[in-house]
Protein backbone atom coordinates (compact mmCIF):
# COMPACT_ATOMS: atom_id res chain seq x y z
CA MET A 1 -238.72 197.44 53.29
CA ASN A 2 -235.49 197.15 55.21
CA ILE A 3 -232.31 196.89 52.81
CA SER A 4 -230.69 195.30 55.92
CA ARG A 5 -232.88 192.47 55.97
CA PRO A 6 -232.71 190.97 52.21
CA HIS A 7 -233.38 187.61 53.60
CA ALA A 8 -236.40 188.21 55.56
CA PHE A 9 -238.54 186.14 53.49
CA VAL A 10 -238.21 182.20 54.11
CA GLY A 11 -239.40 179.43 52.07
CA ALA A 12 -239.07 177.82 48.45
CA ALA A 13 -240.65 180.85 46.95
CA ALA A 14 -238.93 182.99 48.43
CA ARG A 15 -236.23 181.58 47.40
CA ARG A 16 -237.13 181.47 43.81
CA GLY A 17 -237.63 185.09 43.81
CA ARG A 18 -234.04 185.56 44.96
CA ILE A 19 -232.40 183.50 42.14
CA ILE A 20 -234.87 185.14 39.58
CA GLY A 21 -233.81 188.49 40.80
CA THR A 22 -230.20 187.57 40.34
CA LEU A 23 -230.34 186.08 37.30
CA ALA A 24 -232.23 189.07 35.69
CA ALA A 25 -229.45 191.67 37.03
CA LEU A 26 -226.95 189.85 35.53
CA LEU A 27 -228.34 189.59 32.42
CA SER A 28 -229.36 193.00 31.93
CA GLY A 29 -225.67 194.10 33.54
CA LEU A 30 -224.69 191.77 30.17
CA SER A 31 -227.23 193.33 27.89
CA ALA A 32 -225.80 196.84 28.75
CA PHE A 33 -222.46 195.54 28.29
CA TRP A 34 -223.02 194.02 24.79
CA LEU A 35 -225.40 197.31 23.61
CA ALA A 36 -222.27 199.47 24.28
CA GLU A 37 -220.11 197.00 22.16
CA MET A 38 -222.48 197.22 19.62
CA VAL A 39 -222.74 200.71 19.42
CA THR A 40 -218.61 200.88 19.28
CA SER A 41 -218.36 198.33 16.70
CA LEU A 42 -221.10 200.07 14.38
CA ALA A 43 -219.30 203.32 15.14
CA HIS A 44 -215.95 201.66 13.64
CA LYS A 45 -218.33 199.68 10.79
CA GLN A 46 -217.64 196.20 12.13
CA SER A 47 -219.75 193.60 11.35
CA SER A 48 -219.61 192.00 14.85
CA GLY A 49 -221.95 195.19 16.11
CA LEU A 50 -224.77 192.66 14.68
CA LEU A 51 -223.61 189.95 16.90
CA TYR A 52 -223.51 192.51 19.67
CA ALA A 53 -226.97 193.48 19.01
CA LEU A 54 -228.33 190.06 19.25
CA GLY A 55 -226.68 189.08 22.21
CA ALA A 56 -227.95 192.24 23.92
CA TRP A 57 -231.70 191.96 22.78
CA VAL A 58 -231.53 188.16 23.99
CA SER A 59 -230.12 188.97 27.17
CA LYS A 60 -232.56 191.86 27.73
CA TYR A 61 -235.30 189.27 26.76
CA LEU A 62 -234.36 187.22 29.04
CA ALA A 63 -233.93 189.41 31.99
CA THR A 64 -237.64 190.75 31.34
CA ARG A 65 -239.30 187.16 30.62
CA LEU A 66 -237.59 186.22 34.22
CA LEU A 67 -238.95 189.28 36.34
CA THR A 68 -242.88 189.16 34.96
CA THR A 69 -243.43 185.81 33.66
CA THR A 70 -241.56 183.75 35.81
CA VAL A 71 -241.81 185.65 38.69
CA LEU A 72 -245.16 185.96 38.56
CA GLN A 73 -245.77 182.23 38.06
CA VAL A 74 -244.14 181.43 41.34
CA GLY A 75 -245.96 184.34 42.87
CA ASN A 76 -249.35 182.48 41.80
CA GLY A 77 -248.07 179.21 43.27
CA GLU A 78 -247.29 180.91 46.62
CA ARG A 79 -250.91 182.18 46.51
CA ASN A 80 -252.70 179.16 45.50
CA ARG A 81 -250.84 177.34 48.16
CA ALA A 82 -251.88 179.49 50.79
CA ARG A 83 -255.67 179.58 49.18
CA THR A 84 -255.98 176.08 50.11
CA GLY A 85 -255.73 176.73 53.74
CA PHE A 86 -257.72 179.42 53.39
CA PHE A 87 -261.24 177.90 55.00
CA SER A 88 -259.51 176.89 57.71
CA LEU A 89 -258.36 180.37 58.35
CA LEU A 90 -261.42 182.48 58.13
CA SER A 91 -262.10 182.73 61.93
CA ALA A 92 -258.79 181.30 63.53
CA ARG A 93 -257.04 185.08 63.01
CA ARG A 94 -258.14 187.90 64.69
CA ARG A 95 -257.21 190.63 62.61
CA SER A 96 -257.31 194.43 63.53
CA ARG A 97 -260.47 194.95 62.16
CA GLY A 98 -261.49 191.52 62.35
CA TYR A 99 -263.24 191.10 59.36
CA VAL A 100 -263.15 188.11 57.31
CA GLY A 101 -263.16 189.58 53.74
CA ASP A 102 -259.40 190.87 54.72
CA LEU A 103 -258.02 187.51 54.15
CA VAL A 104 -258.69 187.56 50.61
CA GLN A 105 -256.87 190.12 50.10
CA GLN A 106 -254.03 188.91 52.28
CA ALA A 107 -253.95 185.23 50.59
CA ASP A 108 -253.61 187.35 47.30
CA ARG A 109 -250.10 189.55 49.01
CA LEU A 110 -248.36 186.22 49.60
CA GLY A 111 -247.93 186.02 45.76
CA LEU A 112 -245.91 189.39 46.10
CA ILE A 113 -243.22 187.59 47.80
CA PRO A 114 -241.32 186.18 45.09
CA VAL A 115 -241.85 189.72 43.46
CA VAL A 116 -240.38 191.41 46.48
CA GLN A 117 -237.24 189.11 46.89
CA ALA A 118 -236.36 189.78 43.00
CA SER A 119 -236.24 193.21 43.77
CA TYR A 120 -234.28 192.87 46.89
CA ALA A 121 -231.64 190.42 44.79
CA ASN A 122 -231.48 193.14 42.04
CA LEU A 123 -230.81 195.94 44.47
CA ARG A 124 -227.99 194.06 46.15
CA LEU A 125 -226.43 193.85 42.91
CA ALA A 126 -226.47 197.80 42.57
CA PRO A 127 -222.90 197.98 44.18
CA VAL A 128 -221.78 195.93 41.19
CA SER A 129 -222.82 198.76 38.81
CA LEU A 130 -221.30 201.39 40.84
CA ILE A 131 -217.90 199.80 40.34
CA VAL A 132 -218.60 199.33 36.84
CA VAL A 133 -219.44 203.19 36.55
CA PHE A 134 -216.27 203.96 38.24
CA LEU A 135 -214.10 201.79 36.20
CA ALA A 136 -215.79 203.35 33.17
CA GLY A 137 -216.68 206.75 34.09
CA GLY A 138 -214.57 207.82 36.56
CA TRP A 139 -215.00 208.90 40.47
CA MET A 140 -217.33 212.01 39.06
CA SER A 141 -220.04 209.99 37.46
CA THR A 142 -219.98 207.61 40.40
CA ALA A 143 -220.61 210.44 42.91
CA VAL A 144 -223.49 211.69 41.23
CA ALA A 145 -224.76 208.54 41.08
CA VAL A 146 -224.22 207.95 44.83
CA ALA A 147 -224.93 211.38 45.67
CA LEU A 148 -228.77 211.07 43.87
CA ILE A 149 -229.53 207.66 45.20
CA ALA A 150 -228.56 209.00 48.72
CA ILE A 151 -231.15 211.93 48.03
CA SER A 152 -233.65 209.60 46.89
CA VAL A 153 -233.89 207.08 49.92
CA PRO A 154 -234.88 209.44 52.78
CA LEU A 155 -237.49 210.91 50.25
CA TYR A 156 -238.87 207.46 49.32
CA ILE A 157 -239.45 206.24 52.87
CA LYS A 158 -241.39 209.23 53.51
CA ALA A 159 -243.57 208.75 50.47
CA GLY A 160 -243.67 205.49 51.53
CA ARG A 161 -244.88 205.58 54.77
CA ASP A 162 -247.43 208.05 53.91
CA SER A 163 -248.67 205.84 51.16
CA GLU A 164 -249.06 203.09 53.83
CA LEU A 165 -250.99 204.87 56.25
CA LEU A 166 -253.21 205.98 53.14
CA ALA A 167 -253.52 202.42 51.88
CA GLU A 168 -254.97 201.51 55.57
CA ARG A 169 -257.46 204.66 55.98
CA TYR A 170 -258.92 203.43 52.30
CA GLU A 171 -259.07 199.98 53.47
CA ALA A 172 -260.93 200.78 56.42
CA ASP A 173 -263.27 202.93 54.87
CA ARG A 174 -264.08 200.51 52.25
CA THR A 175 -264.72 197.95 54.77
CA GLU A 176 -267.15 199.83 56.69
CA LEU A 177 -268.68 200.96 53.42
CA GLU A 178 -269.44 197.42 52.29
CA LEU A 179 -270.60 196.07 55.62
CA ARG A 180 -272.88 198.99 55.80
CA GLU A 181 -274.62 198.32 52.43
CA LEU A 182 -275.03 194.64 53.42
CA GLN A 183 -276.85 195.47 56.39
CA LEU A 184 -279.15 198.04 54.93
CA LEU A 185 -280.07 195.69 51.95
CA GLU A 186 -280.76 192.87 54.95
CA SER A 187 -283.21 195.41 56.22
CA GLY A 188 -283.98 196.85 53.04
CA GLN A 189 -287.71 195.87 53.53
CA GLU A 190 -287.83 197.23 57.04
CA LEU A 191 -286.68 200.70 56.52
CA ARG A 192 -289.15 200.97 53.17
CA GLY A 193 -291.68 200.37 55.95
CA LEU A 194 -290.48 202.80 58.25
CA GLY A 195 -290.48 205.21 55.29
CA ALA A 196 -286.58 205.42 55.96
CA SER A 197 -285.09 204.47 52.66
CA GLU A 198 -283.80 208.03 51.98
CA PHE A 199 -281.83 208.14 55.08
CA ALA A 200 -280.27 204.44 53.90
CA ALA A 201 -279.51 206.28 50.52
CA GLU A 202 -277.86 209.23 52.22
CA GLU A 203 -275.88 207.48 54.38
CA ILE A 204 -274.38 205.07 51.67
CA SER A 205 -273.68 208.07 49.54
CA ALA A 206 -271.45 209.77 52.43
CA LEU A 207 -269.76 206.55 52.95
CA SER A 208 -269.02 206.16 49.51
CA ALA A 209 -267.88 209.67 48.93
CA ARG A 210 -265.40 209.40 52.14
CA GLU A 211 -264.40 205.83 50.53
CA HIS A 212 -263.61 207.93 47.16
CA ARG A 213 -261.54 210.52 48.52
CA SER A 214 -259.80 208.05 50.58
CA ALA A 215 -258.66 206.27 47.46
CA LEU A 216 -257.69 209.59 45.96
CA ARG A 217 -255.38 210.41 48.51
CA ALA A 218 -254.02 206.69 48.59
CA VAL A 219 -253.18 207.04 44.82
CA ARG A 220 -251.38 210.38 44.90
CA ALA A 221 -249.46 209.45 47.89
CA ALA A 222 -247.92 205.95 45.96
CA LEU A 223 -247.35 208.43 42.63
CA GLN A 224 -244.97 210.35 45.06
CA SER A 225 -242.53 207.42 45.25
CA SER A 226 -242.47 206.82 41.46
CA LEU A 227 -242.33 210.57 40.63
CA ILE A 228 -239.35 210.84 42.99
CA THR A 229 -237.18 207.73 41.72
CA GLU A 230 -238.40 208.54 38.10
CA PHE A 231 -237.00 212.29 38.42
CA LEU A 232 -233.93 211.37 40.21
CA SER A 233 -232.82 208.68 38.09
CA GLY A 234 -233.11 210.73 34.68
CA VAL A 235 -231.31 213.44 36.39
CA GLY A 236 -228.54 211.00 37.25
CA ILE A 237 -228.48 209.56 33.78
CA GLY A 238 -228.40 212.92 32.28
CA LEU A 239 -225.61 213.87 34.48
CA VAL A 240 -223.57 211.07 33.80
CA ALA A 241 -223.82 211.12 30.27
CA MET A 242 -222.96 215.16 30.07
CA ILE A 243 -219.70 214.01 32.25
CA SER A 244 -218.92 211.09 30.04
CA GLY A 245 -219.57 213.41 26.84
CA PHE A 246 -217.21 216.22 27.78
CA ALA A 247 -214.82 213.20 28.63
CA LEU A 248 -215.09 212.12 25.09
CA LEU A 249 -214.68 215.51 23.70
CA GLY A 250 -211.24 215.91 25.75
CA SER A 251 -209.99 212.55 24.56
CA ARG A 252 -209.90 211.67 28.17
CA THR A 253 -212.09 208.41 27.67
CA THR A 254 -212.78 205.99 24.85
CA LEU A 255 -216.50 205.74 23.20
CA LEU A 256 -216.99 202.27 24.59
CA ARG A 257 -216.33 203.60 28.21
CA ALA A 258 -218.46 206.37 27.85
CA LEU A 259 -221.27 204.18 26.87
CA ILE A 260 -220.94 201.70 29.65
CA ALA A 261 -220.84 204.45 32.14
CA VAL A 262 -223.94 205.46 31.12
CA LEU A 263 -225.81 202.38 30.66
CA PHE A 264 -224.72 200.92 34.01
CA THR A 265 -225.64 204.22 35.54
CA ASN A 266 -229.06 203.27 33.92
CA GLU A 267 -228.95 199.78 35.23
CA LEU A 268 -228.04 201.10 38.55
CA PHE A 269 -231.29 203.65 38.99
CA THR A 270 -233.43 200.94 37.40
CA ALA A 271 -232.78 198.40 40.29
CA VAL A 272 -233.30 201.70 42.87
CA ARG A 273 -236.62 202.04 40.67
CA ARG A 274 -237.94 198.65 40.60
CA PHE A 275 -237.02 198.48 44.81
CA GLY A 276 -239.14 201.78 44.82
CA SER A 277 -241.95 199.88 43.16
CA GLU A 278 -242.07 197.28 45.94
CA PHE A 279 -241.43 199.21 48.67
CA HIS A 280 -245.22 198.88 49.96
CA GLN A 281 -245.85 195.53 48.87
CA SER A 282 -242.86 194.35 50.98
CA GLU A 283 -244.58 195.28 54.23
CA GLU A 284 -248.00 194.36 52.65
CA ALA A 285 -246.68 190.71 52.33
CA GLU A 286 -245.03 190.42 56.04
CA ALA A 287 -248.56 191.60 57.41
CA ALA A 288 -249.76 188.41 54.89
CA LEU A 289 -247.46 185.91 56.49
CA ARG A 290 -248.24 187.02 59.95
CA ILE A 291 -251.78 186.43 59.64
CA PHE A 292 -251.57 182.92 57.60
CA TYR A 293 -248.57 181.76 59.27
CA ALA A 294 -248.22 183.00 62.79
CA PRO A 295 -247.99 180.48 65.24
CA SER A 296 -250.75 180.34 67.77
CA THR A 297 -250.59 182.39 71.24
CA HIS A 298 -251.88 179.19 72.70
CA ALA A 299 -250.27 175.36 72.84
CA LYS A 300 -251.76 173.43 69.94
CA THR A 301 -250.46 169.80 70.31
CA LEU A 302 -251.74 167.65 67.21
CA VAL A 303 -253.31 164.75 68.74
CA ARG A 304 -256.06 162.39 67.65
CA PHE A 305 -259.42 163.89 69.54
CA PRO A 306 -259.72 167.49 70.45
CA GLN A 307 -258.35 167.85 74.23
CA ALA A 308 -258.83 170.92 76.49
CA ASN A 309 -257.34 172.11 79.52
CA ASN A 310 -258.89 174.78 81.35
CA VAL A 311 -260.05 176.72 78.37
CA VAL A 312 -262.13 179.81 78.89
CA ALA A 313 -264.05 180.75 75.34
CA THR A 314 -266.26 183.48 76.68
CA PRO A 315 -265.19 186.31 79.24
CA GLY A 316 -266.67 185.77 82.54
CA ARG A 317 -267.20 182.00 81.88
CA LYS A 318 -265.32 179.21 84.23
CA PRO A 319 -262.61 177.13 82.50
CA VAL A 320 -263.65 173.99 81.30
CA SER A 321 -261.17 170.73 80.32
CA PHE A 322 -262.46 167.82 79.00
CA ALA A 323 -260.48 164.88 76.59
CA LEU A 324 -262.79 163.63 73.89
CA ALA A 325 -262.42 160.31 73.02
CA PRO A 326 -264.11 157.73 70.66
CA GLY A 327 -267.65 157.22 71.31
CA ALA A 328 -267.90 160.13 73.86
CA ARG A 329 -271.33 162.16 73.97
CA ILE A 330 -270.70 165.51 75.24
CA LEU A 331 -273.76 168.17 75.92
CA VAL A 332 -272.89 171.61 76.18
CA THR A 333 -276.14 173.38 77.83
CA GLY A 334 -276.84 176.58 79.14
CA PRO A 335 -279.19 179.59 78.30
CA SER A 336 -279.08 181.58 75.20
CA GLY A 337 -276.17 183.68 75.45
CA SER A 338 -274.21 181.46 77.50
CA GLY A 339 -271.46 181.10 75.16
CA LYS A 340 -272.27 177.35 73.94
CA THR A 341 -271.58 178.47 70.72
CA SER A 342 -267.95 180.10 71.14
CA PHE A 343 -267.06 177.10 73.22
CA LEU A 344 -267.49 175.27 69.98
CA GLU A 345 -265.78 177.50 67.68
CA VAL A 346 -262.74 177.25 70.39
CA LEU A 347 -263.07 173.66 70.01
CA LEU A 348 -262.86 173.40 66.20
CA GLY A 349 -259.91 175.92 66.02
CA LEU A 350 -262.04 178.95 64.71
CA ARG A 351 -261.25 181.10 67.32
CA GLU A 352 -258.40 181.64 69.85
CA PRO A 353 -259.48 180.57 73.39
CA LEU A 354 -258.94 183.31 76.09
CA SER A 355 -256.96 181.49 78.16
CA GLY A 356 -255.73 178.00 78.50
CA GLU A 357 -254.48 175.09 76.53
CA LEU A 358 -256.47 173.34 73.36
CA SER A 359 -254.93 170.24 71.57
CA ILE A 360 -256.48 170.44 67.87
CA GLY A 361 -257.89 166.99 66.62
CA ASP A 362 -256.30 165.49 63.31
CA LEU A 363 -259.66 163.39 62.64
CA PRO A 364 -262.63 164.57 60.19
CA ILE A 365 -265.17 166.79 61.99
CA ALA A 366 -268.93 167.61 60.80
CA TYR A 367 -270.07 171.06 62.00
CA VAL A 368 -273.74 171.35 61.88
CA THR A 369 -275.15 174.58 62.79
CA PRO A 370 -277.97 176.86 61.68
CA ARG A 371 -275.24 179.59 60.37
CA GLU A 372 -273.73 177.24 58.49
CA TYR A 373 -274.74 177.66 54.72
CA LEU A 374 -275.06 175.40 51.75
CA PHE A 375 -273.59 176.97 48.29
CA ALA A 376 -275.19 177.38 45.17
CA GLY A 377 -274.89 174.23 42.98
CA THR A 378 -276.19 170.72 42.85
CA LEU A 379 -277.46 168.22 45.64
CA ARG A 380 -274.12 166.18 44.69
CA GLU A 381 -271.92 168.93 44.57
CA ASN A 382 -272.79 169.88 48.35
CA LEU A 383 -272.99 166.62 49.79
CA ASP A 384 -269.61 165.22 48.36
CA PRO A 385 -267.52 168.73 47.30
CA SER A 386 -264.53 166.12 46.72
CA THR A 387 -266.49 163.89 44.14
CA VAL A 388 -264.91 160.90 46.03
CA ARG A 389 -268.10 159.09 46.91
CA SER A 390 -270.87 157.00 44.67
CA ASP A 391 -274.34 157.85 44.03
CA THR A 392 -275.58 155.00 46.51
CA GLU A 393 -273.56 156.37 49.30
CA LEU A 394 -275.01 159.99 48.86
CA THR A 395 -278.25 158.62 48.58
CA ASP A 396 -277.89 156.41 51.84
CA ALA A 397 -276.55 159.47 53.79
CA LEU A 398 -279.55 161.28 52.95
CA GLY A 399 -281.85 158.16 53.60
CA LEU A 400 -280.14 158.34 57.17
CA VAL A 401 -281.41 161.50 57.78
CA GLY A 402 -284.90 161.47 55.99
CA LEU A 403 -284.28 163.41 53.21
CA THR A 404 -285.92 161.04 50.88
CA GLY A 405 -288.43 161.37 47.81
CA PRO A 406 -287.92 162.97 44.58
CA ARG A 407 -286.99 165.87 45.59
CA PHE A 408 -283.77 164.26 46.78
CA SER A 409 -283.62 161.41 44.71
CA VAL A 410 -282.19 163.43 41.43
CA LEU A 411 -278.59 164.31 42.91
CA SER A 412 -277.97 166.54 39.75
CA ALA A 413 -280.94 168.64 41.41
CA VAL A 414 -279.54 172.20 42.14
CA ILE A 415 -280.05 174.06 45.47
CA GLY A 416 -279.65 177.69 45.54
CA PRO A 417 -277.31 180.26 47.27
CA ASN A 418 -277.17 179.69 51.02
CA GLY A 419 -279.61 176.43 50.52
CA GLU A 420 -282.60 178.53 48.64
CA GLY A 421 -285.20 176.10 48.45
CA LEU A 422 -284.48 174.05 51.68
CA SER A 423 -286.24 174.62 54.81
CA SER A 424 -283.98 175.35 58.10
CA GLY A 425 -284.58 171.53 59.19
CA GLU A 426 -284.18 170.04 55.87
CA GLN A 427 -280.64 172.20 55.86
CA VAL A 428 -279.59 170.72 58.88
CA ARG A 429 -280.22 167.34 57.97
CA PHE A 430 -278.34 167.83 55.06
CA LEU A 431 -275.31 168.94 57.12
CA LEU A 432 -275.77 166.08 59.00
CA ALA A 433 -275.55 163.93 55.73
CA ARG A 434 -272.41 165.66 54.22
CA GLY A 435 -270.95 164.67 57.72
CA ILE A 436 -271.52 160.98 57.05
CA VAL A 437 -270.59 161.31 53.49
CA ALA A 438 -267.08 162.70 54.66
CA GLN A 439 -266.94 159.50 57.36
CA ALA A 440 -266.76 162.26 59.99
CA GLN A 441 -265.23 160.90 63.63
CA LEU A 442 -266.71 163.51 65.09
CA PHE A 443 -269.89 165.66 65.05
CA VAL A 444 -270.06 168.89 66.78
CA ILE A 445 -273.78 170.00 66.88
CA ASP A 446 -274.85 173.65 67.65
CA ASP A 447 -278.14 173.76 68.81
CA VAL A 448 -280.22 172.60 66.25
CA ALA A 449 -282.77 170.06 67.78
CA GLY A 450 -285.50 172.88 68.06
CA LEU A 451 -285.60 172.82 64.11
CA LEU A 452 -286.39 169.35 63.75
CA ASP A 453 -289.71 167.79 64.12
CA LEU A 454 -290.06 164.77 66.52
CA LYS A 455 -289.80 161.84 63.69
CA THR A 456 -286.32 163.31 62.25
CA ARG A 457 -285.04 164.12 66.09
CA LYS A 458 -285.71 160.41 66.67
CA LEU A 459 -284.48 159.55 63.39
CA VAL A 460 -281.09 161.15 63.88
CA SER A 461 -280.94 160.02 67.41
CA ALA A 462 -281.33 156.70 66.37
CA PHE A 463 -278.20 156.97 63.72
CA PHE A 464 -275.89 157.93 66.87
CA LEU A 465 -276.69 155.13 68.94
CA SER A 466 -276.22 152.99 65.79
CA GLN A 467 -272.63 154.32 65.68
CA PRO A 468 -271.11 154.26 68.88
CA HIS A 469 -267.64 154.75 67.84
CA LEU A 470 -268.13 158.32 66.45
CA GLY A 471 -267.59 161.45 69.26
CA VAL A 472 -270.60 163.91 69.53
CA VAL A 473 -270.62 167.36 71.29
CA GLU A 474 -273.89 168.97 71.12
CA ALA A 475 -274.86 172.41 72.42
CA ALA A 476 -278.27 172.77 73.46
CA ILE A 477 -281.01 174.13 75.65
CA ASP A 478 -283.14 171.70 75.81
CA ARG A 479 -283.94 168.41 73.93
CA PRO A 480 -280.34 167.30 72.81
CA LEU A 481 -280.29 164.67 69.99
CA ILE A 482 -277.88 162.55 71.96
CA THR A 483 -277.69 160.65 75.04
CA PRO A 484 -274.70 162.54 77.01
CA THR A 485 -272.19 160.64 78.76
CA SER A 486 -270.80 163.53 80.00
CA ARG A 487 -272.42 167.13 80.65
CA PHE A 488 -270.94 171.20 80.71
CA GLU A 489 -272.83 173.63 81.72
CA MET A 490 -271.93 176.91 80.48
CA SER A 491 -272.23 179.19 83.62
CA ALA A 492 -270.39 182.08 85.07
């Protein structure tokens, strides 16, 4: 976190966070003043002390409410806004370790922006507290507060950097453990058949122990910053209270001024403490912003249909240029491993091209691939996630791809995770039906013809022939579903 950049974050959520932090700081200062007035009034047996007590409580309650409930609500709104575009970013950004699961955590970190900005705003009003401490407690109290804050900042920055490095190490170890667990679980039967189950268990145990040690080191480092601020704030408030007490005994100040000096010193260190607790979160939120909202390194102008100019999707392949239009039927051919899938993913915006310029279309696109899984739920939920189509439209779409009969006539029938209960060919046809339901204007099909029998291939081909306005891009080794109007050979 950089104190010189209090407005590093932009957007409505960041502005609301700064407003909340400013209001909370003013209310906390008002509460401290009224609390001092309350003690003074009660010491002189004045009835106004109860009114001051009520004012102090109300001000502190409102400040706490702003910094907890209200700022969290703003953060949740920012987090939900990021999640609405989550799926379009699953592969569109290449992260340091490249794992899709990182995006889940990064989306949550965007909700930290208003919290961070509230702490920034609170800290920027700290000089006001220093001025009040100087006017009420004198130069000595002010010098003590400034000296302890000056000592705490470099110590806290060091602790923060150490914590950040260890947190990154922990995330790397955790991700490696999760991926290795998934790999071993998927190959569990083969490992048992080879008699290697004990080896797998020992490997998971070792990775788990390393992840646990990384977590403990990260927690210890994170606690260092809290210990620094808590210790120095306690010392600072105690010294100011001692100075004010001696001044009060020597009749050099009044009870009200002494209390104001102590209470505003507490407010000053509270702002520093809150700044400290959000130190790491600022870095995390900035990293999340770069992932979710950083501009692409390649030109992406919105047009109706995707267009490409000298796009290279796979190392060693020749550039490809095209301009899709309604009714275009493009066939992408090449042997297995030639980069057909990579090319389609670039076309969809799921990954960045290695070079060239890409214009992403804004029309609805259906992506049909053997690697696309259905989610656990009913036929209706999988066909029409937005729940805007009628049952007749859904059953008609299923009929167009040959999914008829008792298994597909009841739309409330449940599909298991990853399309469990459907064959590979049925899953492919289901994805085609989902594109029909969504009224997709472009179908991108990745080498699925081999999963369909001859009758079904003819049925799907007939559907595309009956829809001359649709654009189709199909990658296939042989036996394509479309009659192409142009062809690209993926070769070096």
